[in-house]
Amino acid sequence: MKELEKTKNISVATVLAILVIIIGLLSYKKPKHIYSESVEATLISMTSLENVLSKDKIDDNSFLVDVRTSFEYSKGHIGNAINISLPDILSDQNVQRLKDAVEESKTIVFYSSDVNDALSAKMLIDQLGYAKTKVLAVELNYEQDELVIKDLNIENSPQDIQAFIDKSVKEAEAKNIVEVKPIPKKVIPRKKKKKMPVEGGC
């Protein structure tokens, strides 16, 4: 009798486990956005001056994207720029707009009042593989409620960073210093709490 109950319990548990797995598989959704580019390729793309444009390099083939907020965009923006604020860049509608621009062989150019925001947008879209993008190196200011656009002077670094990294790796390998030792944890002794005498009485 006990064996029959055990068999029933095992059968019920198995059926429940299978149901949970089936429900999990049916409710699983594939992510919309998957990284297709490596971090290394994206970093090389971000640091290359070929991907940085000055204001005079904008042409009819440029698909300008202002990644500032809609409020800042409404105060003033560059010519034919559209507004896609950075937090909304991966919405279905905005991703489709970028894909359409790529299909029309347009060069997507991001800009903002802070170049780092434009670089963030570039990095994200490049890593997702939607397009190879560029950044507009400009500084945006307002003078008497009018937008003033000035080119930023971005100079190429005279140092060969990759050569420095390669040299450091070779030196570390030659000295066998590639092993990283864990930092020992500090042990803080606990102080025992004093017991308070019991209050009250008969």
Foldseek 3Di string as FASTA:
>chain_A
DVVVVVVVVVVVVVVVVVVVVVVCVVPDDDDPFDFDDDPVVLVVLLQDCVQEAEPVPDDPLEAEEEQDDVVVVVLDDDDPYDYDHLVRCPPPVNLVVLLVSVVVVGAYEYEYQDQVSSSVSQSVCVRSPSDNHHYYQWHWDADPSYIDIGHDDDDRDPDDVVVVVVVVVVVCVVVVVPDDDDDDDDDDDDDDDDDDDDDDDD
